[in-house]
Amino acid sequence: MGYVLNGSAGKTGSSDAAGILIVSPDLQEILLLKRSSDVEDRYLWSIPGGDSKKTGNGLEAAIITAVTESNEEMGGLPTGRIREQPYVYHKPGIDFTYKTFILEIDPDARESFVPKLNWENTDYKWFRRDELKSVKLHPGVEEVLDNYKFEPDGSFNCTLKVLQRLCQKNLRVLKGRGKT
């Protein structure tokens, strides 16, 4: 997750960033990744995500960033549905926005999904909400979880497969413009 004390995302200094919180509402569990010693906010439990510098601003750029970063950090995403609106965090006093998209998955997808972590994270774990009190959470994740309700709200804009096709198409366009 790109939240840092000075408000920039990662080392690029981007003012826009995005990530995905993966939730199994039926099991009341969320997937968190433990950040490695090679990244900012090391050893904290977080979500996959990063800055939107390569993809630009706006909701479409944010979801492309969130899916791309998740694929890089975990080798893919489980099958599920993305909530229509992300949780948007605006850091007070500076121009920094982090959009967290909620990916809700069913118990079968939770059981079958095994992240293949890259160098940015050293571990992953499915947590029940009551387990989080004793965990060192990334401050941005803590903010999202304080506002997340495990009840599905029924407002989904698309399935993950449709979203991934959109991301692949847009990334090809961006590569053609020399932005990746």
C-alpha atoms as a PDB file:
ATOM      1  CA  MET A   1       0.000   0.000   0.000  1.00  0.00           C
ATOM      2  CA  GLY A   2       1.442   3.327  -1.035  1.00  0.00           C
ATOM      3  CA  TYR A   3       0.702   5.400   2.069  1.00  0.00           C
ATOM      4  CA  VAL A   4       3.848   6.971   3.515  1.00  0.00           C
ATOM      5  CA  LEU A   5       4.307   9.674   6.121  1.00  0.00           C
ATOM      6  CA  ASN A   6       5.013  12.478   3.634  1.00  0.00           C
ATOM      7  CA  GLY A   7       1.964  11.504   1.571  1.00  0.00           C
ATOM      8  CA  SER A   8       3.738  10.298  -1.558  1.00  0.00           C
ATOM      9  CA  ALA A   9       3.221   6.839  -2.929  1.00  0.00           C
ATOM     10  CA  GLY A  10       6.338   4.753  -2.997  1.00  0.00           C
ATOM     11  CA  LYS A  11       9.598   6.190  -4.254  1.00  0.00           C
ATOM     12  CA  THR A  12       8.059   7.850  -7.303  1.00  0.00           C
ATOM     13  CA  GLY A  13       6.342  10.601  -5.352  1.00  0.00           C
ATOM     14  CA  SER A  14       2.989  10.074  -7.052  1.00  0.00           C
ATOM     15  CA  SER A  15       0.002  11.803  -5.481  1.00  0.00           C
ATOM     16  CA  ASP A  16      -2.446   9.087  -6.594  1.00  0.00           C
ATOM     17  CA  ALA A  17      -2.282   5.423  -5.637  1.00  0.00           C
ATOM     18  CA  ALA A  18      -4.587   2.409  -5.518  1.00  0.00           C
ATOM     19  CA  GLY A  19      -4.852  -1.120  -4.158  1.00  0.00           C
ATOM     20  CA  ILE A  20      -7.209  -4.041  -3.624  1.00  0.00           C
ATOM     21  CA  LEU A  21      -8.546  -5.399  -0.355  1.00  0.00           C
ATOM     22  CA  ILE A  22      -9.534  -9.040  -0.887  1.00  0.00           C
ATOM     23  CA  VAL A  23     -12.412 -10.144   1.322  1.00  0.00           C
ATOM     24  CA  SER A  24     -14.341 -13.371   1.835  1.00  0.00           C
ATOM     25  CA  PRO A  25     -17.535 -12.018   3.437  1.00  0.00           C
ATOM     26  CA  ASP A  26     -19.036 -15.479   3.981  1.00  0.00           C
ATOM     27  CA  LEU A  27     -15.983 -16.523   6.012  1.00  0.00           C
ATOM     28  CA  GLN A  28     -15.504 -13.041   7.522  1.00  0.00           C
ATOM     29  CA  GLU A  29     -11.845 -13.045   6.406  1.00  0.00           C
ATOM     30  CA  ILE A  30      -9.502 -10.659   4.630  1.00  0.00           C
ATOM     31  CA  LEU A  31      -6.210 -11.373   2.881  1.00  0.00           C
ATOM     32  CA  LEU A  32      -3.213  -9.340   4.003  1.00  0.00           C
ATOM     33  CA  LEU A  33       0.413  -9.374   2.868  1.00  0.00           C
ATOM     34  CA  LYS A  34       3.425  -8.815   5.129  1.00  0.00           C
ATOM     35  CA  ARG A  35       5.722  -6.191   3.624  1.00  0.00           C
ATOM     36  CA  SER A  36       9.395  -7.093   3.171  1.00  0.00           C
ATOM     37  CA  SER A  37      12.436  -5.224   4.482  1.00  0.00           C
ATOM     38  CA  ASP A  38      13.058  -3.912   0.937  1.00  0.00           C
ATOM     39  CA  VAL A  39      10.034  -1.588   0.841  1.00  0.00           C
ATOM     40  CA  GLU A  40       8.668   1.374   2.781  1.00  0.00           C
ATOM     41  CA  ASP A  41       6.502   0.510   5.776  1.00  0.00           C
ATOM     42  CA  ARG A  42       8.445  -2.730   6.161  1.00  0.00           C
ATOM     43  CA  TYR A  43       7.127  -5.635   8.222  1.00  0.00           C
ATOM     44  CA  LEU A  44       3.595  -4.220   8.358  1.00  0.00           C
ATOM     45  CA  TRP A  45       0.568  -6.185   7.140  1.00  0.00           C
ATOM     46  CA  SER A  46      -0.928  -4.500   4.100  1.00  0.00           C
ATOM     47  CA  ILE A  47      -2.708  -4.977   0.770  1.00  0.00           C
ATOM     48  CA  PRO A  48      -1.286  -5.098  -2.758  1.00  0.00           C
ATOM     49  CA  GLY A  49      -1.168  -1.690  -4.383  1.00  0.00           C
ATOM     50  CA  GLY A  50       0.981   1.139  -5.622  1.00  0.00           C
ATOM     51  CA  ASP A  51       1.189   4.514  -7.303  1.00  0.00           C
ATOM     52  CA  SER A  52      -0.778   5.498 -10.383  1.00  0.00           C
ATOM     53  CA  LYS A  53       2.038   7.470 -12.018  1.00  0.00           C
ATOM     54  CA  LYS A  54       2.200   5.194 -15.077  1.00  0.00           C
ATOM     55  CA  THR A  55      -1.549   4.995 -15.659  1.00  0.00           C
ATOM     56  CA  GLY A  56      -2.662   8.537 -14.814  1.00  0.00           C
ATOM     57  CA  ASN A  57      -5.469   9.901 -12.650  1.00  0.00           C
ATOM     58  CA  GLY A  58      -9.133   9.003 -12.279  1.00  0.00           C
ATOM     59  CA  LEU A  59     -11.122   5.916 -11.403  1.00  0.00           C
ATOM     60  CA  GLU A  60     -10.184   3.898 -14.496  1.00  0.00           C
ATOM     61  CA  ALA A  61      -6.462   4.568 -13.969  1.00  0.00           C
ATOM     62  CA  ALA A  62      -6.830   3.631 -10.300  1.00  0.00           C
ATOM     63  CA  ILE A  63      -8.409   0.243 -11.032  1.00  0.00           C
ATOM     64  CA  ILE A  64      -5.763  -0.477 -13.672  1.00  0.00           C
ATOM     65  CA  THR A  65      -3.097   0.339 -11.079  1.00  0.00           C
ATOM     66  CA  ALA A  66      -4.762  -1.784  -8.394  1.00  0.00           C
ATOM     67  CA  VAL A  67      -5.080  -4.865 -10.628  1.00  0.00           C
ATOM     68  CA  THR A  68      -1.585  -4.453 -12.117  1.00  0.00           C
ATOM     69  CA  GLU A  69       0.032  -4.075  -8.695  1.00  0.00           C
ATOM     70  CA  SER A  70      -1.899  -7.069  -7.345  1.00  0.00           C
ATOM     71  CA  ASN A  71      -0.760  -9.198 -10.272  1.00  0.00           C
ATOM     72  CA  GLU A  72       2.849  -8.112  -9.695  1.00  0.00           C
ATOM     73  CA  GLU A  73       2.802  -8.620  -5.932  1.00  0.00           C
ATOM     74  CA  MET A  74       0.744 -11.841  -5.777  1.00  0.00           C
ATOM     75  CA  GLY A  75       0.996 -13.387  -9.228  1.00  0.00           C
ATOM     76  CA  GLY A  76      -2.711 -12.852  -9.868  1.00  0.00           C
ATOM     77  CA  LEU A  77      -6.048 -12.354  -8.174  1.00  0.00           C
ATOM     78  CA  PRO A  78      -8.788 -14.757  -7.103  1.00  0.00           C
ATOM     79  CA  THR A  79     -12.083 -14.793  -8.986  1.00  0.00           C
ATOM     80  CA  GLY A  80     -14.600 -12.426  -7.453  1.00  0.00           C
ATOM     81  CA  ARG A  81     -16.531  -9.193  -7.837  1.00  0.00           C
ATOM     82  CA  ILE A  82     -15.212  -5.655  -7.415  1.00  0.00           C
ATOM     83  CA  ARG A  83     -17.405  -3.235  -5.460  1.00  0.00           C
ATOM     84  CA  GLU A  84     -18.686  -0.344  -7.536  1.00  0.00           C
ATOM     85  CA  GLN A  85     -16.974   2.423  -5.575  1.00  0.00           C
ATOM     86  CA  PRO A  86     -13.573   2.258  -3.893  1.00  0.00           C
ATOM     87  CA  TYR A  87     -12.853   3.542  -0.418  1.00  0.00           C
ATOM     88  CA  VAL A  88     -11.072   6.857  -1.051  1.00  0.00           C
ATOM     89  CA  TYR A  89      -8.566   8.221   1.436  1.00  0.00           C
ATOM     90  CA  HIS A  90      -7.459  11.859   1.099  1.00  0.00           C
ATOM     91  CA  LYS A  91      -4.431  12.680   3.222  1.00  0.00           C
ATOM     92  CA  PRO A  92      -5.161  15.960   5.046  1.00  0.00           C
ATOM     93  CA  GLY A  93      -3.000  18.936   4.146  1.00  0.00           C
ATOM     94  CA  ILE A  94      -1.406  17.495   1.005  1.00  0.00           C
ATOM     95  CA  ASP A  95      -2.392  16.314  -2.456  1.00  0.00           C
ATOM     96  CA  PHE A  96      -2.470  12.553  -1.889  1.00  0.00           C
ATOM     97  CA  THR A  97      -5.334  10.156  -2.646  1.00  0.00           C
ATOM     98  CA  TYR A  98      -5.395   6.370  -2.189  1.00  0.00           C
ATOM     99  CA  LYS A  99      -8.283   4.375  -3.681  1.00  0.00           C
ATOM    100  CA  THR A 100      -8.899   0.944  -2.162  1.00  0.00           C
ATOM    101  CA  PHE A 101     -11.073  -1.349  -4.248  1.00  0.00           C
ATOM    102  CA  ILE A 102     -12.891  -4.177  -2.467  1.00  0.00           C
ATOM    103  CA  LEU A 103     -12.738  -7.574  -4.167  1.00  0.00           C
ATOM    104  CA  GLU A 104     -15.304  -9.908  -2.616  1.00  0.00           C
ATOM    105  CA  ILE A 105     -14.776 -13.606  -3.208  1.00  0.00           C
ATOM    106  CA  ASP A 106     -16.686 -16.740  -2.283  1.00  0.00           C
ATOM    107  CA  PRO A 107     -15.309 -19.470   0.027  1.00  0.00           C
ATOM    108  CA  ASP A 108     -14.237 -21.696  -2.909  1.00  0.00           C
ATOM    109  CA  ALA A 109     -12.120 -18.901  -4.415  1.00  0.00           C
ATOM    110  CA  ARG A 110     -10.625 -18.223  -0.988  1.00  0.00           C
ATOM    111  CA  GLU A 111      -9.640 -21.869  -0.547  1.00  0.00           C
ATOM    112  CA  SER A 112      -8.138 -22.230  -4.010  1.00  0.00           C
ATOM    113  CA  PHE A 113      -6.212 -18.943  -4.229  1.00  0.00           C
ATOM    114  CA  VAL A 114      -2.537 -19.178  -3.275  1.00  0.00           C
ATOM    115  CA  PRO A 115      -0.584 -15.938  -3.751  1.00  0.00           C
ATOM    116  CA  LYS A 116       2.833 -16.178  -5.412  1.00  0.00           C
ATOM    117  CA  LEU A 117       4.564 -13.310  -3.653  1.00  0.00           C
ATOM    118  CA  ASN A 118       7.235 -11.153  -5.248  1.00  0.00           C
ATOM    119  CA  TRP A 119      10.066  -9.409  -3.369  1.00  0.00           C
ATOM    120  CA  GLU A 120       7.764  -6.727  -1.933  1.00  0.00           C
ATOM    121  CA  ASN A 121       6.127  -9.119   0.553  1.00  0.00           C
ATOM    122  CA  THR A 122       7.376 -12.034   2.630  1.00  0.00           C
ATOM    123  CA  ASP A 123       4.167 -13.669   3.804  1.00  0.00           C
ATOM    124  CA  TYR A 124       0.394 -13.701   3.407  1.00  0.00           C
ATOM    125  CA  LYS A 125      -2.407 -14.687   5.726  1.00  0.00           C
ATOM    126  CA  TRP A 126      -6.188 -14.743   5.834  1.00  0.00           C
ATOM    127  CA  PHE A 127      -7.280 -12.867   8.959  1.00  0.00           C
ATOM    128  CA  ARG A 128     -10.568 -12.783  10.784  1.00  0.00           C
ATOM    129  CA  ARG A 129     -11.451  -9.273  11.915  1.00  0.00           C
ATOM    130  CA  ASP A 130     -11.048 -10.134  15.615  1.00  0.00           C
ATOM    131  CA  GLU A 131      -7.437 -11.237  14.953  1.00  0.00           C
ATOM    132  CA  LEU A 132      -6.382  -7.818  13.680  1.00  0.00           C
ATOM    133  CA  LYS A 133      -6.045  -6.183  17.106  1.00  0.00           C
ATOM    134  CA  SER A 134      -2.742  -7.979  17.706  1.00  0.00           C
ATOM    135  CA  VAL A 135      -1.334  -7.400  14.199  1.00  0.00           C
ATOM    136  CA  LYS A 136       0.931  -4.547  13.071  1.00  0.00           C
ATOM    137  CA  LEU A 137      -1.229  -3.076  10.314  1.00  0.00           C
ATOM    138  CA  HIS A 138      -0.227  -0.519   7.729  1.00  0.00           C
ATOM    139  CA  PRO A 139      -1.903   2.788   8.751  1.00  0.00           C
ATOM    140  CA  GLY A 140      -3.734   3.014   5.421  1.00  0.00           C
ATOM    141  CA  VAL A 141      -5.152  -0.499   5.824  1.00  0.00           C
ATOM    142  CA  GLU A 142      -6.226   0.340   9.358  1.00  0.00           C
ATOM    143  CA  GLU A 143      -8.114   3.362   7.993  1.00  0.00           C
ATOM    144  CA  VAL A 144      -9.933   1.230   5.388  1.00  0.00           C
ATOM    145  CA  LEU A 145     -10.807  -1.534   7.844  1.00  0.00           C
ATOM    146  CA  ASP A 146     -12.216   0.979  10.321  1.00  0.00           C
ATOM    147  CA  ASN A 147     -14.759   1.856   7.626  1.00  0.00           C
ATOM    148  CA  TYR A 148     -15.358  -1.544   5.962  1.00  0.00           C
ATOM    149  CA  LYS A 149     -18.437  -3.608   6.746  1.00  0.00           C
ATOM    150  CA  PHE A 150     -18.318  -7.306   5.951  1.00  0.00           C
ATOM    151  CA  GLU A 151     -21.902  -7.300   4.680  1.00  0.00           C
ATOM    152  CA  PRO A 152     -22.010  -7.438   0.866  1.00  0.00           C
ATOM    153  CA  ASP A 153     -23.684  -4.276  -0.383  1.00  0.00           C
ATOM    154  CA  GLY A 154     -24.687  -5.587  -3.812  1.00  0.00           C
ATOM    155  CA  SER A 155     -23.119  -2.682  -5.695  1.00  0.00           C
ATOM    156  CA  PHE A 156     -20.747  -4.280  -8.151  1.00  0.00           C
ATOM    157  CA  ASN A 157     -19.669  -2.789 -11.428  1.00  0.00           C
ATOM    158  CA  CYS A 158     -18.096  -5.873 -12.989  1.00  0.00           C
ATOM    159  CA  THR A 159     -16.527  -9.224 -12.436  1.00  0.00           C
ATOM    160  CA  LEU A 160     -12.772  -9.529 -12.116  1.00  0.00           C
ATOM    161  CA  LYS A 161     -12.421 -11.200 -15.543  1.00  0.00           C
ATOM    162  CA  VAL A 162     -14.026  -8.214 -17.290  1.00  0.00           C
ATOM    163  CA  LEU A 163     -11.836  -5.875 -15.283  1.00  0.00           C
ATOM    164  CA  GLN A 164      -8.634  -7.731 -16.172  1.00  0.00           C
ATOM    165  CA  ARG A 165      -9.502  -7.545 -19.891  1.00  0.00           C
ATOM    166  CA  LEU A 166     -10.020  -3.789 -19.533  1.00  0.00           C
ATOM    167  CA  CYS A 167      -6.658  -3.461 -17.772  1.00  0.00           C
ATOM    168  CA  GLN A 168      -4.801  -5.487 -20.407  1.00  0.00           C
ATOM    169  CA  LYS A 169      -6.307  -3.380 -23.197  1.00  0.00           C
ATOM    170  CA  ASN A 170      -5.433  -0.093 -21.474  1.00  0.00           C
ATOM    171  CA  LEU A 171      -1.912  -1.214 -20.572  1.00  0.00           C
ATOM    172  CA  ARG A 172      -1.264  -2.041 -24.252  1.00  0.00           C
ATOM    173  CA  VAL A 173      -2.394   1.491 -25.147  1.00  0.00           C
ATOM    174  CA  LEU A 174      -0.171   3.010 -22.446  1.00  0.00           C
ATOM    175  CA  LYS A 175       2.836   0.965 -23.588  1.00  0.00           C
ATOM    176  CA  GLY A 176       2.251   2.257 -27.099  1.00  0.00           C
ATOM    177  CA  ARG A 177       2.447   5.808 -25.713  1.00  0.00           C
ATOM    178  CA  GLY A 178       5.649   4.988 -23.796  1.00  0.00           C
ATOM    179  CA  LYS A 179       4.046   5.418 -20.349  1.00  0.00           C
ATOM    180  CA  THR A 180       5.026   2.081 -18.796  1.00  0.00           C
END
